[in-house]
Amino acid sequence: MNTSASSTQTTEIEWHSYDDGMARGKFEKKKVFLHFTAEWCYYCGVMEKETFKDPAIISSLNKNFISIKIDYDRETQTSDFYRVRGLPDTIFIAEDGQLIGRRPGYIAPELLKRILKSILKERSQE
C-alpha cells in the first residue's frame, strides 16, 4: 500500500550542508536557519533532543526555512566567518542574504517557537 507523503508529517528537520543550504535559500527564496553545534557541546545535545524534536518547530522550519547545521569543529571557516564564539549559536538569514538576527546559547522549544513566529510575522509585513 502506498501512502502519500502529505498524509504523514515529517518527524525530523531537513538539515542541509552550508553550501547546499545557502544556494537553496537563494534559489527557493526562503529564509535560512543556521545552527552551529559540536559533539562536545552539552546544550547542543539538549536542543537536538528537545527543541529539534518539537513537531511545531519541525513543521515551521521545514516549511518556511532552509535549515543548515554547521559542525563548529569541522567547518571552522564558516564558524569564523560568522564569528561564532560560543555554542550553540543560531543565526537567521533573510531571503536576500541579509542577517535577520542571532541567538547565541540554548533555545528552549517554547522560545524558538516564538522567535520563528516573530520572524515570519515580521517578514510578511514588509
Protein backbone atom coordinates (compact mmCIF):
# COMPACT_ATOMS: atom_id res chain seq x y z
CA MET A 1 0.00 0.00 0.00
CA ASN A 2 1.38 3.38 -0.97
CA THR A 3 0.74 6.23 1.45
CA SER A 4 1.12 9.77 0.25
CA ALA A 5 3.85 11.91 1.74
CA SER A 6 1.34 14.66 2.56
CA SER A 7 -0.60 12.40 4.93
CA THR A 8 2.40 11.77 7.14
CA GLN A 9 4.07 14.58 8.99
CA THR A 10 7.85 14.78 8.82
CA THR A 11 9.36 13.85 12.16
CA GLU A 12 12.76 15.45 11.57
CA ILE A 13 14.18 18.75 10.49
CA GLU A 14 15.50 18.59 6.94
CA TRP A 15 19.11 19.68 7.53
CA HIS A 16 21.36 20.83 4.68
CA SER A 17 25.08 21.39 4.29
CA TYR A 18 26.19 25.03 4.29
CA ASP A 19 26.88 25.36 0.55
CA ASP A 20 23.77 23.46 -0.50
CA GLY A 21 21.56 25.25 2.03
CA MET A 22 22.71 28.75 1.13
CA ALA A 23 22.23 28.01 -2.58
CA ARG A 24 18.76 26.57 -1.91
CA GLY A 25 17.83 29.61 0.19
CA LYS A 26 18.61 31.91 -2.74
CA PHE A 27 17.03 29.66 -5.36
CA GLU A 28 13.86 28.93 -3.36
CA LYS A 29 13.72 32.48 -1.94
CA LYS A 30 13.50 31.15 1.60
CA LYS A 31 14.94 32.30 4.90
CA VAL A 32 17.90 30.36 6.28
CA PHE A 33 18.09 28.90 9.79
CA LEU A 34 21.80 28.46 10.53
CA HIS A 35 22.62 26.35 13.61
CA PHE A 36 26.18 25.92 14.92
CA THR A 37 26.83 22.86 17.06
CA ALA A 38 29.57 20.47 18.21
CA GLU A 39 29.64 16.91 19.54
CA TRP A 40 31.13 18.03 22.87
CA CYS A 41 28.54 20.78 23.43
CA TYR A 42 26.08 19.76 26.17
CA TYR A 43 23.35 22.28 25.32
CA CYS A 44 23.64 21.47 21.62
CA GLY A 45 22.63 17.92 22.58
CA VAL A 46 19.73 19.23 24.67
CA MET A 47 18.49 21.24 21.68
CA GLU A 48 18.76 18.11 19.49
CA LYS A 49 16.72 16.03 21.95
CA GLU A 50 14.14 18.66 22.95
CA THR A 51 13.91 21.73 20.74
CA PHE A 52 14.51 20.00 17.42
CA LYS A 53 12.07 17.16 18.23
CA ASP A 54 9.10 19.51 18.77
CA PRO A 55 6.56 18.89 15.97
CA ALA A 56 5.64 22.59 15.62
CA ILE A 57 9.31 23.57 15.26
CA ILE A 58 10.00 20.78 12.76
CA SER A 59 6.98 21.86 10.71
CA SER A 60 7.81 25.59 10.78
CA LEU A 61 11.48 25.09 9.89
CA ASN A 62 10.78 22.60 7.09
CA LYS A 63 8.01 24.78 5.60
CA ASN A 64 9.47 28.28 5.96
CA PHE A 65 13.25 27.96 6.22
CA ILE A 66 16.23 26.17 4.75
CA SER A 67 17.85 24.64 7.84
CA ILE A 68 21.62 24.32 7.92
CA LYS A 69 23.59 22.58 10.65
CA ILE A 70 27.23 23.56 10.98
CA ASP A 71 29.75 21.48 12.94
CA TYR A 72 31.82 24.15 14.71
CA ASP A 73 34.95 21.97 14.89
CA ARG A 74 34.83 20.59 11.35
CA GLU A 75 33.65 23.70 9.50
CA THR A 76 35.97 26.27 11.03
CA GLN A 77 35.94 28.63 8.04
CA THR A 78 32.17 29.03 8.26
CA SER A 79 32.31 29.32 12.06
CA ASP A 80 34.96 32.03 11.74
CA PHE A 81 33.03 33.86 9.00
CA TYR A 82 30.01 34.17 11.33
CA ARG A 83 32.27 34.92 14.33
CA VAL A 84 30.88 32.06 16.39
CA ARG A 85 32.41 32.25 19.87
CA GLY A 86 30.11 30.02 21.91
CA LEU A 87 27.78 27.11 21.30
CA PRO A 88 25.09 26.53 20.42
CA ASP A 89 24.69 29.58 18.18
CA THR A 90 21.75 30.21 15.87
CA ILE A 91 21.60 32.75 13.07
CA PHE A 92 18.58 33.74 10.99
CA ILE A 93 19.19 34.96 7.42
CA ALA A 94 16.64 36.64 5.13
CA GLU A 95 15.82 35.54 1.59
CA ASP A 96 18.14 38.25 0.25
CA GLY A 97 21.08 37.03 2.35
CA GLN A 98 20.83 39.81 4.94
CA LEU A 99 21.14 38.97 8.63
CA ILE A 100 17.77 38.93 10.41
CA GLY A 101 19.20 38.13 13.82
CA ARG A 102 21.27 35.91 16.03
CA ARG A 103 20.50 33.98 19.22
CA PRO A 104 23.56 32.56 21.00
CA GLY A 105 23.09 29.79 23.55
CA TYR A 106 20.44 27.19 24.25
CA ILE A 107 16.95 27.93 22.91
CA ALA A 108 14.09 26.14 24.64
CA PRO A 109 11.28 24.85 22.40
CA GLU A 110 8.72 27.46 23.51
CA LEU A 111 11.16 30.31 22.94
CA LEU A 112 12.19 29.08 19.48
CA LYS A 113 8.50 28.82 18.51
CA ARG A 114 8.01 32.47 19.50
CA ILE A 115 11.18 33.54 17.64
CA LEU A 116 10.16 31.71 14.45
CA LYS A 117 6.63 33.12 14.62
CA SER A 118 8.00 36.62 15.14
CA ILE A 119 10.40 36.35 12.19
CA LEU A 120 7.68 35.03 9.90
CA LYS A 121 5.18 37.70 11.01
CA GLU A 122 7.74 40.50 10.70
CA ARG A 123 8.82 39.41 7.23
CA SER A 124 5.26 39.03 5.95
CA GLN A 125 4.52 42.66 6.86
CA GLU A 126 7.39 44.08 4.80
